[in-house]
């Protein structure tokens, strides 16, 4: 789920960290005074926890952004209904 959140971007390695982070998760450097505050729509990967831009459909770890599963469920239901109607028409 996407939300507008605050993040600290490390000026040393450009890794995005949670607002509460004290050390960069990317390089381990202390974030005291060497970060940029940002307000972006991001989604957190449920597999690795990495913060991703809203427009990214996949995380760098390969996990696909959730939210499109309902489309597949609807297609499956429609196909099952059509197949049931074809079988019942005989």
Protein backbone atom coordinates (compact mmCIF):
# COMPACT_ATOMS: atom_id res chain seq x y z
CA UNK A 1 0.00 0.00 0.00
CA UNK A 2 1.40 3.39 -0.93
CA UNK A 3 1.48 6.34 1.38
CA UNK A 4 3.17 9.70 1.53
CA UNK A 5 5.95 9.27 4.04
CA UNK A 6 9.13 11.04 5.07
CA UNK A 7 12.44 9.47 4.17
CA UNK A 8 16.10 10.27 4.70
CA UNK A 9 18.26 9.93 1.61
CA UNK A 10 21.93 9.35 2.45
CA UNK A 11 24.11 11.94 0.71
CA UNK A 12 27.00 9.46 0.66
CA UNK A 13 25.36 6.55 -1.19
CA UNK A 14 21.87 7.92 -2.11
CA UNK A 15 20.10 5.07 -0.28
CA UNK A 16 16.58 5.88 1.00
CA UNK A 17 16.12 5.21 4.71
CA UNK A 18 13.13 5.39 7.04
CA UNK A 19 12.69 8.70 8.84
CA UNK A 20 13.66 7.08 12.15
CA UNK A 21 16.94 5.61 10.83
CA UNK A 22 20.14 6.65 12.61
CA UNK A 23 22.49 4.79 10.25
CA UNK A 24 22.15 4.30 6.50
CA UNK A 25 20.90 0.82 5.58
CA UNK A 26 22.91 1.01 2.37
CA UNK A 27 26.41 1.99 3.52
CA UNK A 28 26.18 1.99 7.33
CA UNK A 29 27.21 5.63 7.57
CA UNK A 30 25.71 7.76 10.33
CA UNK A 31 22.81 9.90 9.06
CA UNK A 32 23.34 12.73 11.54
CA UNK A 33 23.47 15.85 9.38
CA UNK A 34 24.28 14.13 6.07
CA UNK A 35 20.86 13.31 4.70
CA UNK A 36 18.13 14.99 2.69
CA UNK A 37 14.51 14.86 3.85
CA UNK A 38 12.06 13.87 1.13
CA UNK A 39 8.32 13.44 0.88
CA UNK A 40 7.48 10.91 -1.82
CA UNK A 41 4.90 8.25 -2.42
CA UNK A 42 6.71 5.00 -1.74
CA UNK A 43 5.81 1.37 -1.17
CA UNK A 44 7.72 -0.97 1.09
CA UNK A 45 8.61 -4.37 -0.32
CA UNK A 46 7.08 -7.09 1.88
CA UNK A 47 9.92 -9.44 0.95
CA UNK A 48 13.04 -7.34 1.69
CA UNK A 49 11.67 -4.11 3.22
CA UNK A 50 13.26 -1.81 0.62
CA UNK A 51 11.44 1.44 -0.09
CA UNK A 52 10.44 1.82 -3.74
CA UNK A 53 9.04 4.71 -5.77
CA UNK A 54 5.28 4.44 -6.34
CA UNK A 55 5.70 4.08 -10.12
CA UNK A 56 8.06 1.08 -9.79
CA UNK A 57 6.16 -2.15 -10.35
CA UNK A 58 8.99 -4.34 -9.01
CA UNK A 59 11.48 -4.11 -6.18
CA UNK A 60 15.21 -4.55 -6.86
CA UNK A 61 14.94 -7.95 -5.12
CA UNK A 62 12.51 -9.05 -7.86
CA UNK A 63 9.30 -8.99 -5.80
CA UNK A 64 6.37 -7.60 -7.81
CA UNK A 65 4.27 -4.84 -6.28
CA UNK A 66 0.99 -6.20 -4.98
CA UNK A 67 -2.33 -4.67 -5.83
CA UNK A 68 -3.04 -6.17 -9.24
CA UNK A 69 -4.08 -9.58 -7.97
CA UNK A 70 -7.75 -8.69 -8.03
CA UNK A 71 -7.63 -8.42 -11.84
CA UNK A 72 -6.46 -12.02 -12.14
CA UNK A 73 -9.15 -13.15 -9.68
CA UNK A 74 -11.87 -11.42 -11.75
CA UNK A 75 -10.60 -13.01 -14.97
CA UNK A 76 -10.60 -16.46 -13.37
CA UNK A 77 -14.17 -16.01 -12.11
CA UNK A 78 -15.37 -14.83 -15.54
CA UNK A 79 -13.71 -17.80 -17.26
CA UNK A 80 -15.25 -20.23 -14.76
CA UNK A 81 -18.72 -18.72 -15.24
CA UNK A 82 -18.39 -18.90 -19.03
CA UNK A 83 -17.21 -22.51 -18.86
CA UNK A 84 -20.07 -23.42 -16.50
CA UNK A 85 -22.59 -21.82 -18.88
CA UNK A 86 -21.14 -23.65 -21.88
CA UNK A 87 -21.28 -26.97 -20.03
CA UNK A 88 -24.87 -26.34 -18.87
CA UNK A 89 -26.13 -25.39 -22.34
CA UNK A 90 -25.82 -28.93 -23.72
